[in-house]
């Protein structure tokens, strides 16, 4: 069974890559238009939709997520959530599952060079 999953991981990775690029190509101009013409609220919705579709693509290729928030998250106050994520693949679930909190991310500027979605 392990060998079968290992063999399937190659075509599933290719499918995920193609889906990701297609979604990125569609949502890159949508996000720029939303931000420049309709403002932050429309941009936030487009970012949420992008990440929701991306999570759907991850589900299509067999990825599952567990997201557990222990305790209450205070409302109407600034909060800092620290995530020890290992890759870029952790960010879309954080954006999607915490979308009502308007999450923002801090990273080195070099990580976003020449990647349109992260400008």
PDB file of N, CA and C in Angstrom:
ATOM      1  N   UNK A   1       0.827  -1.202   0.000  1.00  0.00           N
ATOM      2  CA  UNK A   1       0.000   0.000   0.000  1.00  0.00           C
ATOM      3  C   UNK A   1       0.870   1.264   0.000  1.00  0.00           C
ATOM      4  N   UNK A   2       1.954   1.229   0.793  1.00  0.00           N
ATOM      5  CA  UNK A   2       2.844   2.389   0.846  1.00  0.00           C
ATOM      6  C   UNK A   2       3.457   2.676  -0.514  1.00  0.00           C
ATOM      7  N   UNK A   3       3.837   1.615  -1.217  1.00  0.00           N
ATOM      8  CA  UNK A   3       4.446   1.796  -2.536  1.00  0.00           C
ATOM      9  C   UNK A   3       3.454   2.378  -3.528  1.00  0.00           C
ATOM     10  N   UNK A   4       2.207   1.957  -3.441  1.00  0.00           N
ATOM     11  CA  UNK A   4       1.169   2.489  -4.326  1.00  0.00           C
ATOM     12  C   UNK A   4       0.981   3.985  -4.074  1.00  0.00           C
ATOM     13  N   UNK A   5       0.917   4.366  -2.795  1.00  0.00           N
ATOM     14  CA  UNK A   5       0.773   5.790  -2.467  1.00  0.00           C
ATOM     15  C   UNK A   5       1.989   6.581  -2.944  1.00  0.00           C
ATOM     16  N   UNK A   6       3.150   5.990  -2.812  1.00  0.00           N
ATOM     17  CA  UNK A   6       4.361   6.666  -3.273  1.00  0.00           C
ATOM     18  C   UNK A   6       4.323   6.861  -4.793  1.00  0.00           C
ATOM     19  N   UNK A   7       3.902   5.845  -5.506  1.00  0.00           N
ATOM     20  CA  UNK A   7       3.804   5.939  -6.970  1.00  0.00           C
ATOM     21  C   UNK A   7       2.754   6.960  -7.368  1.00  0.00           C
ATOM     22  N   UNK A   8       1.621   6.986  -6.658  1.00  0.00           N
ATOM     23  CA  UNK A   8       0.551   7.940  -6.975  1.00  0.00           C
ATOM     24  C   UNK A   8       0.942   9.376  -6.657  1.00  0.00           C
ATOM     25  N   UNK A   9       1.892   9.560  -5.758  1.00  0.00           N
ATOM     26  CA  UNK A   9       2.261  10.919  -5.369  1.00  0.00           C
ATOM     27  C   UNK A   9       2.836  11.717  -6.538  1.00  0.00           C
ATOM     28  N   UNK A  10       3.469  11.071  -7.488  1.00  0.00           N
ATOM     29  CA  UNK A  10       4.052  11.789  -8.624  1.00  0.00           C
ATOM     30  C   UNK A  10       2.985  12.386  -9.538  1.00  0.00           C
ATOM     31  N   UNK A  11       2.030  11.601 -10.035  1.00  0.00           N
ATOM     32  CA  UNK A  11       1.004  12.232 -10.885  1.00  0.00           C
ATOM     33  C   UNK A  11       0.116  13.197 -10.097  1.00  0.00           C
ATOM     34  N   UNK A  12      -0.150  12.895  -8.826  1.00  0.00           N
ATOM     35  CA  UNK A  12      -0.974  13.807  -8.027  1.00  0.00           C
ATOM     36  C   UNK A  12      -0.261  15.138  -7.810  1.00  0.00           C
ATOM     37  N   UNK A  13       1.052  15.092  -7.644  1.00  0.00           N
ATOM     38  CA  UNK A  13       1.825  16.341  -7.507  1.00  0.00           C
ATOM     39  C   UNK A  13       1.750  17.163  -8.787  1.00  0.00           C
ATOM     40  N   UNK A  14       1.832  16.491  -9.925  1.00  0.00           N
ATOM     41  CA  UNK A  14       1.728  17.205 -11.209  1.00  0.00           C
ATOM     42  C   UNK A  14       0.346  17.824 -11.362  1.00  0.00           C
ATOM     43  N   UNK A  15      -0.689  17.075 -10.996  1.00  0.00           N
ATOM     44  CA  UNK A  15      -2.066  17.597 -11.085  1.00  0.00           C
ATOM     45  C   UNK A  15      -2.212  18.807 -10.167  1.00  0.00           C
ATOM     46  N   UNK A  16      -1.708  18.708  -8.942  1.00  0.00           N
ATOM     47  CA  UNK A  16      -1.798  19.828  -8.005  1.00  0.00           C
ATOM     48  C   UNK A  16      -1.060  21.041  -8.541  1.00  0.00           C
ATOM     49  N   UNK A  17       0.115  20.844  -9.101  1.00  0.00           N
ATOM     50  CA  UNK A  17       0.882  21.953  -9.645  1.00  0.00           C
ATOM     51  C   UNK A  17       0.105  22.650 -10.764  1.00  0.00           C
ATOM     52  N   UNK A  18      -0.476  21.882 -11.664  1.00  0.00           N
ATOM     53  CA  UNK A  18      -1.251  22.458 -12.775  1.00  0.00           C
ATOM     54  C   UNK A  18      -2.449  23.228 -12.240  1.00  0.00           C
ATOM     55  N   UNK A  19      -3.177  22.651 -11.291  1.00  0.00           N
ATOM     56  CA  UNK A  19      -4.332  23.343 -10.707  1.00  0.00           C
ATOM     57  C   UNK A  19      -3.908  24.628 -10.007  1.00  0.00           C
ATOM     58  N   UNK A  20      -2.801  24.568  -9.266  1.00  0.00           N
ATOM     59  CA  UNK A  20      -2.307  25.747  -8.551  1.00  0.00           C
ATOM     60  C   UNK A  20      -1.958  26.869  -9.526  1.00  0.00           C
ATOM     61  N   UNK A  21      -1.243  26.532 -10.579  1.00  0.00           N
ATOM     62  CA  UNK A  21      -0.850  27.546 -11.568  1.00  0.00           C
ATOM     63  C   UNK A  21      -2.089  28.148 -12.231  1.00  0.00           C
ATOM     64  N   UNK A  22      -3.073  27.323 -12.576  1.00  0.00           N
ATOM     65  CA  UNK A  22      -4.301  27.838 -13.195  1.00  0.00           C
ATOM     66  C   UNK A  22      -5.042  28.785 -12.257  1.00  0.00           C
ATOM     67  N   UNK A  23      -5.175  28.384 -11.003  1.00  0.00           N
ATOM     68  CA  UNK A  23      -5.857  29.248 -10.027  1.00  0.00           C
ATOM     69  C   UNK A  23      -5.072  30.534  -9.832  1.00  0.00           C
ATOM     70  N   UNK A  24      -3.757  30.428  -9.756  1.00  0.00           N
ATOM     71  CA  UNK A  24      -2.910  31.612  -9.595  1.00  0.00           C
ATOM     72  C   UNK A  24      -3.061  32.563 -10.771  1.00  0.00           C
ATOM     73  N   UNK A  25      -3.069  32.030 -11.985  1.00  0.00           N
ATOM     74  CA  UNK A  25      -3.216  32.874 -13.181  1.00  0.00           C
ATOM     75  C   UNK A  25      -4.566  33.570 -13.218  1.00  0.00           C
ATOM     76  N   UNK A  26      -5.588  32.917 -12.726  1.00  0.00           N
ATOM     77  CA  UNK A  26      -6.921  33.533 -12.706  1.00  0.00           C
ATOM     78  C   UNK A  26      -7.020  34.580 -11.602  1.00  0.00           C
ATOM     79  N   UNK A  27      -6.536  34.238 -10.411  1.00  0.00           N
ATOM     80  CA  UNK A  27      -6.751  35.122  -9.263  1.00  0.00           C
ATOM     81  C   UNK A  27      -5.748  36.257  -9.146  1.00  0.00           C
ATOM     82  N   UNK A  28      -4.609  36.166  -9.789  1.00  0.00           N
ATOM     83  CA  UNK A  28      -3.653  37.276  -9.742  1.00  0.00           C
ATOM     84  C   UNK A  28      -4.289  38.567 -10.276  1.00  0.00           C
ATOM     85  N   UNK A  29      -4.849  38.582 -11.493  1.00  0.00           N
ATOM     86  CA  UNK A  29      -5.481  39.828 -11.952  1.00  0.00           C
ATOM     87  C   UNK A  29      -6.737  40.177 -11.151  1.00  0.00           C
ATOM     88  N   UNK A  30      -7.474  39.175 -10.723  1.00  0.00           N
ATOM     89  CA  UNK A  30      -8.685  39.444  -9.928  1.00  0.00           C
ATOM     90  C   UNK A  30      -8.305  40.182  -8.650  1.00  0.00           C
ATOM     91  N   UNK A  31      -7.254  39.731  -7.989  1.00  0.00           N
ATOM     92  CA  UNK A  31      -6.851  40.385  -6.746  1.00  0.00           C
ATOM     93  C   UNK A  31      -6.352  41.802  -6.979  1.00  0.00           C
ATOM     94  N   UNK A  32      -5.604  42.014  -8.018  1.00  0.00           N
ATOM     95  CA  UNK A  32      -5.128  43.381  -8.308  1.00  0.00           C
ATOM     96  C   UNK A  32      -6.300  44.317  -8.614  1.00  0.00           C
ATOM     97  N   UNK A  33      -7.255  43.828  -9.409  1.00  0.00           N
ATOM     98  CA  UNK A  33      -8.440  44.637  -9.734  1.00  0.00           C
ATOM     99  C   UNK A  33      -9.246  44.918  -8.478  1.00  0.00           C
ATOM    100  N   UNK A  34      -9.473  43.891  -7.676  1.00  0.00           N
ATOM    101  CA  UNK A  34     -10.246  44.083  -6.445  1.00  0.00           C
ATOM    102  C   UNK A  34      -9.596  45.118  -5.538  1.00  0.00           C
ATOM    103  N   UNK A  35      -8.289  45.028  -5.365  1.00  0.00           N
ATOM    104  CA  UNK A  35      -7.604  45.955  -4.466  1.00  0.00           C
ATOM    105  C   UNK A  35      -7.608  47.372  -5.021  1.00  0.00           C
ATOM    106  N   UNK A  36      -7.308  47.530  -6.293  1.00  0.00           N
ATOM    107  CA  UNK A  36      -7.189  48.882  -6.867  1.00  0.00           C
ATOM    108  C   UNK A  36      -8.528  49.556  -7.107  1.00  0.00           C
ATOM    109  N   UNK A  37      -9.533  48.794  -7.493  1.00  0.00           N
ATOM    110  CA  UNK A  37     -10.813  49.409  -7.853  1.00  0.00           C
ATOM    111  C   UNK A  37     -11.830  49.345  -6.712  1.00  0.00           C
ATOM    112  N   UNK A  38     -11.918  48.187  -6.064  1.00  0.00           N
ATOM    113  CA  UNK A  38     -12.978  47.995  -5.073  1.00  0.00           C
ATOM    114  C   UNK A  38     -12.511  48.082  -3.633  1.00  0.00           C
ATOM    115  N   UNK A  39     -11.201  48.140  -3.403  1.00  0.00           N
ATOM    116  CA  UNK A  39     -10.683  48.329  -2.054  1.00  0.00           C
ATOM    117  C   UNK A  39     -10.356  47.055  -1.309  1.00  0.00           C
ATOM    118  N   UNK A  40     -10.004  47.253  -0.045  1.00  0.00           N
ATOM    119  CA  UNK A  40      -9.499  46.164   0.789  1.00  0.00           C
ATOM    120  C   UNK A  40     -10.523  45.056   0.975  1.00  0.00           C
ATOM    121  N   UNK A  41     -11.768  45.413   1.219  1.00  0.00           N
ATOM    122  CA  UNK A  41     -12.798  44.395   1.504  1.00  0.00           C
ATOM    123  C   UNK A  41     -12.947  43.417   0.333  1.00  0.00           C
ATOM    124  N   UNK A  42     -13.006  43.927  -0.888  1.00  0.00           N
ATOM    125  CA  UNK A  42     -13.112  43.066  -2.068  1.00  0.00           C
ATOM    126  C   UNK A  42     -11.842  42.241  -2.242  1.00  0.00           C
ATOM    127  N   UNK A  43     -10.689  42.861  -1.975  1.00  0.00           N
ATOM    128  CA  UNK A  43      -9.425  42.131  -2.071  1.00  0.00           C
ATOM    129  C   UNK A  43      -9.392  40.985  -1.059  1.00  0.00           C
ATOM    130  N   UNK A  44      -9.849  41.233   0.146  1.00  0.00           N
ATOM    131  CA  UNK A  44      -9.875  40.199   1.177  1.00  0.00           C
ATOM    132  C   UNK A  44     -10.757  39.036   0.746  1.00  0.00           C
ATOM    133  N   UNK A  45     -11.886  39.320   0.146  1.00  0.00           N
ATOM    134  CA  UNK A  45     -12.780  38.266  -0.343  1.00  0.00           C
ATOM    135  C   UNK A  45     -12.092  37.456  -1.434  1.00  0.00           C
ATOM    136  N   UNK A  46     -11.410  38.146  -2.358  1.00  0.00           N
ATOM    137  CA  UNK A  46     -10.726  37.425  -3.443  1.00  0.00           C
ATOM    138  C   UNK A  46      -9.588  36.560  -2.906  1.00  0.00           C
ATOM    139  N   UNK A  47      -8.867  37.038  -1.893  1.00  0.00           N
ATOM    140  CA  UNK A  47      -7.807  36.241  -1.280  1.00  0.00           C
ATOM    141  C   UNK A  47      -8.410  35.007  -0.602  1.00  0.00           C
ATOM    142  N   UNK A  48      -9.534  35.207   0.084  1.00  0.00           N
ATOM    143  CA  UNK A  48     -10.209  34.078   0.725  1.00  0.00           C
ATOM    144  C   UNK A  48     -10.663  33.039  -0.285  1.00  0.00           C
ATOM    145  N   UNK A  49     -11.227  33.497  -1.394  1.00  0.00           N
ATOM    146  CA  UNK A  49     -11.666  32.563  -2.435  1.00  0.00           C
ATOM    147  C   UNK A  49     -10.489  31.804  -3.038  1.00  0.00           C
ATOM    148  N   UNK A  50      -9.400  32.514  -3.291  1.00  0.00           N
ATOM    149  CA  UNK A  50      -8.196  31.863  -3.814  1.00  0.00           C
ATOM    150  C   UNK A  50      -7.747  30.741  -2.886  1.00  0.00           C
ATOM    151  N   UNK A  51      -7.645  31.048  -1.606  1.00  0.00           N
ATOM    152  CA  UNK A  51      -7.159  30.049  -0.655  1.00  0.00           C
ATOM    153  C   UNK A  51      -8.155  28.924  -0.451  1.00  0.00           C
ATOM    154  N   UNK A  52      -9.459  29.228  -0.502  1.00  0.00           N
ATOM    155  CA  UNK A  52     -10.466  28.181  -0.422  1.00  0.00           C
ATOM    156  C   UNK A  52     -10.385  27.227  -1.602  1.00  0.00           C
ATOM    157  N   UNK A  53     -10.213  27.769  -2.800  1.00  0.00           N
ATOM    158  CA  UNK A  53     -10.059  26.917  -3.987  1.00  0.00           C
ATOM    159  C   UNK A  53      -8.774  26.103  -3.927  1.00  0.00           C
ATOM    160  N   UNK A  54      -7.733  26.707  -3.424  1.00  0.00           N
ATOM    161  CA  UNK A  54      -6.482  25.982  -3.305  1.00  0.00           C
ATOM    162  C   UNK A  54      -6.619  24.814  -2.323  1.00  0.00           C
ATOM    163  N   UNK A  55      -7.304  25.037  -1.209  1.00  0.00           N
ATOM    164  CA  UNK A  55      -7.537  23.937  -0.265  1.00  0.00           C
ATOM    165  C   UNK A  55      -8.389  22.848  -0.900  1.00  0.00           C
ATOM    166  N   UNK A  56      -9.347  23.237  -1.724  1.00  0.00           N
ATOM    167  CA  UNK A  56     -10.157  22.253  -2.446  1.00  0.00           C
ATOM    168  C   UNK A  56      -9.259  21.411  -3.361  1.00  0.00           C
ATOM    169  N   UNK A  57      -8.332  22.050  -4.041  1.00  0.00           N
ATOM    170  CA  UNK A  57      -7.386  21.313  -4.896  1.00  0.00           C
ATOM    171  C   UNK A  57      -6.539  20.348  -4.070  1.00  0.00           C
ATOM    172  N   UNK A  58      -6.110  20.795  -2.901  1.00  0.00           N
ATOM    173  CA  UNK A  58      -5.335  19.905  -2.038  1.00  0.00           C
ATOM    174  C   UNK A  58      -6.175  18.705  -1.600  1.00  0.00           C
ATOM    175  N   UNK A  59      -7.458  18.940  -1.325  1.00  0.00           N
ATOM    176  CA  UNK A  59      -8.354  17.829  -0.975  1.00  0.00           C
ATOM    177  C   UNK A  59      -8.521  16.868  -2.154  1.00  0.00           C
ATOM    178  N   UNK A  60      -8.585  17.403  -3.356  1.00  0.00           N
ATOM    179  CA  UNK A  60      -8.746  16.565  -4.555  1.00  0.00           C
ATOM    180  C   UNK A  60      -7.596  15.568  -4.675  1.00  0.00           C
ATOM    181  N   UNK A  61      -6.393  16.002  -4.329  1.00  0.00           N
ATOM    182  CA  UNK A  61      -5.240  15.106  -4.446  1.00  0.00           C
ATOM    183  C   UNK A  61      -4.974  14.327  -3.158  1.00  0.00           C
ATOM    184  N   UNK A  62      -5.881  14.417  -2.189  1.00  0.00           N
ATOM    185  CA  UNK A  62      -5.803  13.558  -1.013  1.00  0.00           C
ATOM    186  C   UNK A  62      -5.269  14.176   0.258  1.00  0.00           C
ATOM    187  N   UNK A  63      -5.014  15.456   0.277  1.00  0.00           N
ATOM    188  CA  UNK A  63      -4.503  16.107   1.485  1.00  0.00           C
ATOM    189  C   UNK A  63      -5.663  16.379   2.440  1.00  0.00           C
ATOM    190  N   UNK A  64      -5.428  16.153   3.715  1.00  0.00           N
ATOM    191  CA  UNK A  64      -6.438  16.477   4.722  1.00  0.00           C
ATOM    192  C   UNK A  64      -5.840  17.485   5.704  1.00  0.00           C
ATOM    193  N   UNK A  65      -6.708  18.194   6.391  1.00  0.00           N
ATOM    194  CA  UNK A  65      -6.286  19.211   7.350  1.00  0.00           C
ATOM    195  C   UNK A  65      -7.001  18.997   8.662  1.00  0.00           C
ATOM    196  N   UNK A  66      -6.294  19.290   9.730  1.00  0.00           N
ATOM    197  CA  UNK A  66      -6.906  19.376  11.052  1.00  0.00           C
ATOM    198  C   UNK A  66      -6.531  20.743  11.596  1.00  0.00           C
ATOM    199  N   UNK A  67      -7.514  21.487  11.986  1.00  0.00           N
ATOM    200  CA  UNK A  67      -7.274  22.835  12.478  1.00  0.00           C
ATOM    201  C   UNK A  67      -7.996  22.943  13.805  1.00  0.00           C
ATOM    202  N   UNK A  68      -7.255  23.099  14.876  1.00  0.00           N
ATOM    203  CA  UNK A  68      -7.849  23.121  16.204  1.00  0.00           C
ATOM    204  C   UNK A  68      -7.474  24.417  16.903  1.00  0.00           C
ATOM    205  N   UNK A  69      -8.486  25.123  17.351  1.00  0.00           N
ATOM    206  CA  UNK A  69      -8.269  26.346  18.122  1.00  0.00           C
ATOM    207  C   UNK A  69      -8.694  26.041  19.548  1.00  0.00           C
ATOM    208  N   UNK A  70      -7.740  26.110  20.436  1.00  0.00           N
ATOM    209  CA  UNK A  70      -8.054  25.828  21.834  1.00  0.00           C
ATOM    210  C   UNK A  70      -8.412  27.127  22.531  1.00  0.00           C
ATOM    211  N   UNK A  71      -9.554  27.156  23.146  1.00  0.00           N
ATOM    212  CA  UNK A  71      -9.999  28.339  23.855  1.00  0.00           C
ATOM    213  C   UNK A  71     -10.687  29.323  22.924  1.00  0.00           C
ATOM    214  N   UNK A  72     -11.093  30.420  23.504  1.00  0.00           N
ATOM    215  CA  UNK A  72     -11.788  31.472  22.760  1.00  0.00           C
ATOM    216  C   UNK A  72     -10.784  32.448  22.169  1.00  0.00           C
ATOM    217  N   UNK A  73     -11.079  32.903  20.959  1.00  0.00           N
ATOM    218  CA  UNK A  73     -10.270  33.953  20.341  1.00  0.00           C
ATOM    219  C   UNK A  73     -10.988  35.273  20.615  1.00  0.00           C
ATOM    220  N   UNK A  74     -10.308  36.206  21.261  1.00  0.00           N
ATOM    221  CA  UNK A  74     -10.973  37.480  21.567  1.00  0.00           C
ATOM    222  C   UNK A  74     -11.321  38.247  20.291  1.00  0.00           C
ATOM    223  N   UNK A  75     -12.431  38.959  20.340  1.00  0.00           N
ATOM    224  CA  UNK A  75     -12.855  39.750  19.182  1.00  0.00           C
ATOM    225  C   UNK A  75     -12.650  41.234  19.455  1.00  0.00           C
ATOM    226  N   UNK A  76     -12.481  41.977  18.366  1.00  0.00           N
ATOM    227  CA  UNK A  76     -12.327  43.431  18.407  1.00  0.00           C
ATOM    228  C   UNK A  76     -11.083  43.893  19.164  1.00  0.00           C
ATOM    229  N   UNK A  77     -10.078  43.050  19.232  1.00  0.00           N
ATOM    230  CA  UNK A  77      -8.796  43.432  19.805  1.00  0.00           C
ATOM    231  C   UNK A  77      -7.707  42.856  18.916  1.00  0.00           C
ATOM    232  N   UNK A  78      -6.569  43.534  18.839  1.00  0.00           N
ATOM    233  CA  UNK A  78      -5.471  42.969  18.053  1.00  0.00           C
ATOM    234  C   UNK A  78      -4.939  41.705  18.734  1.00  0.00           C
ATOM    235  N   UNK A  79      -4.651  40.700  17.942  1.00  0.00           N
ATOM    236  CA  UNK A  79      -4.066  39.479  18.491  1.00  0.00           C
ATOM    237  C   UNK A  79      -2.897  39.052  17.606  1.00  0.00           C
ATOM    238  N   UNK A  80      -1.967  38.360  18.201  1.00  0.00           N
ATOM    239  CA  UNK A  80      -0.828  37.826  17.457  1.00  0.00           C
ATOM    240  C   UNK A  80      -0.909  36.308  17.540  1.00  0.00           C
ATOM    241  N   UNK A  81      -0.909  35.684  16.377  1.00  0.00           N
ATOM    242  CA  UNK A  81      -0.910  34.231  16.303  1.00  0.00           C
ATOM    243  C   UNK A  81       0.420  33.825  15.699  1.00  0.00           C
ATOM    244  N   UNK A  82       1.158  33.031  16.425  1.00  0.00           N
ATOM    245  CA  UNK A  82       2.471  32.597  15.964  1.00  0.00           C
ATOM    246  C   UNK A  82       2.339  31.172  15.455  1.00  0.00           C
ATOM    247  N   UNK A  83       2.777  30.971  14.237  1.00  0.00           N
ATOM    248  CA  UNK A  83       2.692  29.655  13.626  1.00  0.00           C
ATOM    249  C   UNK A  83       4.090  29.181  13.275  1.00  0.00           C
ATOM    250  N   UNK A  84       4.387  27.979  13.647  1.00  0.00           N
ATOM    251  CA  UNK A  84       5.672  27.388  13.307  1.00  0.00           C
ATOM    252  C   UNK A  84       5.488  26.557  12.042  1.00  0.00           C
ATOM    253  N   UNK A  85       5.159  27.233  10.958  1.00  0.00           N
ATOM    254  CA  UNK A  85       4.894  26.483   9.733  1.00  0.00           C
ATOM    255  C   UNK A  85       6.205  26.108   9.057  1.00  0.00           C
ATOM    256  N   UNK A  86       6.150  25.028   8.300  1.00  0.00           N
ATOM    257  CA  UNK A  86       7.348  24.474   7.693  1.00  0.00           C
ATOM    258  C   UNK A  86       7.521  24.854   6.229  1.00  0.00           C
ATOM    259  N   UNK A  87       6.453  25.342   5.601  1.00  0.00           N
ATOM    260  CA  UNK A  87       6.545  25.634   4.175  1.00  0.00           C
ATOM    261  C   UNK A  87       5.438  26.597   3.787  1.00  0.00           C
ATOM    262  N   UNK A  88       5.399  26.925   2.508  1.00  0.00           N
ATOM    263  CA  UNK A  88       4.321  27.771   1.990  1.00  0.00           C
ATOM    264  C   UNK A  88       2.976  27.061   2.013  1.00  0.00           C
ATOM    265  N   UNK A  89       2.965  25.753   2.121  1.00  0.00           N
ATOM    266  CA  UNK A  89       1.708  24.998   2.088  1.00  0.00           C
ATOM    267  C   UNK A  89       0.888  25.192   3.352  1.00  0.00           C
ATOM    268  N   UNK A  90       1.475  25.718   4.396  1.00  0.00           N
ATOM    269  CA  UNK A  90       0.736  25.953   5.632  1.00  0.00           C
ATOM    270  C   UNK A  90      -0.059  27.255   5.590  1.00  0.00           C
ATOM    271  N   UNK A  91       0.354  28.176   4.755  1.00  0.00           N
ATOM    272  CA  UNK A  91      -0.262  29.503   4.760  1.00  0.00           C
ATOM    273  C   UNK A  91      -1.702  29.492   4.251  1.00  0.00           C
ATOM    274  N   UNK A  92      -2.032  28.846   3.128  1.00  0.00           N
ATOM    275  CA  UNK A  92      -3.434  28.844   2.692  1.00  0.00           C
ATOM    276  C   UNK A  92      -4.438  28.322   3.725  1.00  0.00           C
ATOM    277  N   UNK A  93      -4.132  27.219   4.441  1.00  0.00           N
ATOM    278  CA  UNK A  93      -5.088  26.825   5.483  1.00  0.00           C
ATOM    279  C   UNK A  93      -5.224  27.868   6.594  1.00  0.00           C
ATOM    280  N   UNK A  94      -4.111  28.511   6.955  1.00  0.00           N
ATOM    281  CA  UNK A  94      -4.201  29.559   7.980  1.00  0.00           C
ATOM    282  C   UNK A  94      -5.075  30.711   7.506  1.00  0.00           C
ATOM    283  N   UNK A  95      -4.886  31.127   6.259  1.00  0.00           N
ATOM    284  CA  UNK A  95      -5.703  32.214   5.721  1.00  0.00           C
ATOM    285  C   UNK A  95      -7.178  31.805   5.688  1.00  0.00           C
ATOM    286  N   UNK A  96      -7.449  30.583   5.223  1.00  0.00           N
ATOM    287  CA  UNK A  96      -8.836  30.132   5.078  1.00  0.00           C
ATOM    288  C   UNK A  96      -9.523  29.971   6.430  1.00  0.00           C
ATOM    289  N   UNK A  97      -8.886  29.256   7.351  1.00  0.00           N
ATOM    290  CA  UNK A  97      -9.544  28.955   8.617  1.00  0.00           C
ATOM    291  C   UNK A  97      -9.575  30.145   9.573  1.00  0.00           C
ATOM    292  N   UNK A  98      -8.714  31.121   9.358  1.00  0.00           N
ATOM    293  CA  UNK A  98      -8.703  32.320  10.207  1.00  0.00           C
ATOM    294  C   UNK A  98      -9.184  33.552   9.454  1.00  0.00           C
ATOM    295  N   UNK A  99      -9.919  33.363   8.371  1.00  0.00           N
ATOM    296  CA  UNK A  99     -10.283  34.492   7.506  1.00  0.00           C
ATOM    297  C   UNK A  99     -11.113  35.559   8.212  1.00  0.00           C
ATOM    298  N   UNK A 100     -11.878  35.197   9.199  1.00  0.00           N
ATOM    299  CA  UNK A 100     -12.674  36.217   9.899  1.00  0.00           C
ATOM    300  C   UNK A 100     -11.797  37.124  10.759  1.00  0.00           C
ATOM    301  N   UNK A 101     -10.545  36.729  10.988  1.00  0.00           N
ATOM    302  CA  UNK A 101      -9.627  37.523  11.802  1.00  0.00           C
ATOM    303  C   UNK A 101      -8.722  38.432  10.980  1.00  0.00           C
ATOM    304  N   UNK A 102      -8.836  38.412   9.663  1.00  0.00           N
ATOM    305  CA  UNK A 102      -7.997  39.214   8.765  1.00  0.00           C
ATOM    306  C   UNK A 102      -6.511  38.951   9.011  1.00  0.00           C
ATOM    307  N   UNK A 103      -6.048  37.720   8.840  1.00  0.00           N
ATOM    308  CA  UNK A 103      -4.636  37.428   9.147  1.00  0.00           C
ATOM    309  C   UNK A 103      -3.667  38.147   8.221  1.00  0.00           C
ATOM    310  N   UNK A 104      -2.561  38.522   8.768  1.00  0.00           N
ATOM    311  CA  UNK A 104      -1.449  39.130   8.030  1.00  0.00           C
ATOM    312  C   UNK A 104      -0.213  38.311   8.336  1.00  0.00           C
ATOM    313  N   UNK A 105       0.755  38.332   7.433  1.00  0.00           N
ATOM    314  CA  UNK A 105       1.953  37.531   7.603  1.00  0.00           C
ATOM    315  C   UNK A 105       3.185  38.408   7.487  1.00  0.00           C
ATOM    316  N   UNK A 106       4.195  38.024   8.226  1.00  0.00           N
ATOM    317  CA  UNK A 106       5.478  38.713   8.183  1.00  0.00           C
ATOM    318  C   UNK A 106       6.506  37.709   7.673  1.00  0.00           C
ATOM    319  N   UNK A 107       7.286  38.139   6.703  1.00  0.00           N
ATOM    320  CA  UNK A 107       8.338  37.267   6.180  1.00  0.00           C
ATOM    321  C   UNK A 107       9.481  38.127   5.652  1.00  0.00           C
ATOM    322  N   UNK A 108      10.568  37.476   5.347  1.00  0.00           N
ATOM    323  CA  UNK A 108      11.668  38.183   4.721  1.00  0.00           C
ATOM    324  C   UNK A 108      11.223  38.622   3.331  1.00  0.00           C
ATOM    325  N   UNK A 109      11.611  39.798   2.898  1.00  0.00           N
ATOM    326  CA  UNK A 109      11.172  40.284   1.599  1.00  0.00           C
ATOM    327  C   UNK A 109      11.687  39.412   0.456  1.00  0.00           C
ATOM    328  N   UNK A 110      12.796  38.725   0.643  1.00  0.00           N
ATOM    329  CA  UNK A 110      13.346  37.870  -0.400  1.00  0.00           C
ATOM    330  C   UNK A 110      12.411  36.703  -0.739  1.00  0.00           C
ATOM    331  N   UNK A 111      11.563  36.308   0.208  1.00  0.00           N
ATOM    332  CA  UNK A 111      10.660  35.181  -0.036  1.00  0.00           C
ATOM    333  C   UNK A 111       9.568  35.521  -1.041  1.00  0.00           C
ATOM    334  N   UNK A 112       9.276  36.784  -1.241  1.00  0.00           N
ATOM    335  CA  UNK A 112       8.210  37.179  -2.142  1.00  0.00           C
ATOM    336  C   UNK A 112       8.673  37.742  -3.474  1.00  0.00           C
ATOM    337  N   UNK A 113       9.952  37.663  -3.754  1.00  0.00           N
ATOM    338  CA  UNK A 113      10.462  38.236  -4.988  1.00  0.00           C
ATOM    339  C   UNK A 113       9.989  37.433  -6.202  1.00  0.00           C
ATOM    340  N   UNK A 114       9.491  38.150  -7.184  1.00  0.00           N
ATOM    341  CA  UNK A 114       9.075  37.603  -8.479  1.00  0.00           C
ATOM    342  C   UNK A 114       7.939  36.592  -8.389  1.00  0.00           C
ATOM    343  N   UNK A 115       7.222  36.588  -7.281  1.00  0.00           N
ATOM    344  CA  UNK A 115       6.026  35.758  -7.169  1.00  0.00           C
ATOM    345  C   UNK A 115       4.851  36.719  -7.091  1.00  0.00           C
ATOM    346  N   UNK A 116       4.084  36.886  -8.176  1.00  0.00           N
ATOM    347  CA  UNK A 116       3.057  37.925  -8.227  1.00  0.00           C
ATOM    348  C   UNK A 116       2.044  37.873  -7.080  1.00  0.00           C
ATOM    349  N   UNK A 117       1.608  36.709  -6.696  1.00  0.00           N
ATOM    350  CA  UNK A 117       0.579  36.605  -5.685  1.00  0.00           C
ATOM    351  C   UNK A 117       1.041  37.148  -4.349  1.00  0.00           C
ATOM    352  N   UNK A 118       2.333  37.121  -4.091  1.00  0.00           N
ATOM    353  CA  UNK A 118       2.857  37.516  -2.775  1.00  0.00           C
ATOM    354  C   UNK A 118       3.429  38.913  -2.762  1.00  0.00           C
ATOM    355  N   UNK A 119       3.147  39.714  -3.789  1.00  0.00           N
ATOM    356  CA  UNK A 119       3.655  41.087  -3.826  1.00  0.00           C
ATOM    357  C   UNK A 119       2.814  41.951  -2.931  1.00  0.00           C
TER     358      UNK A 119
END
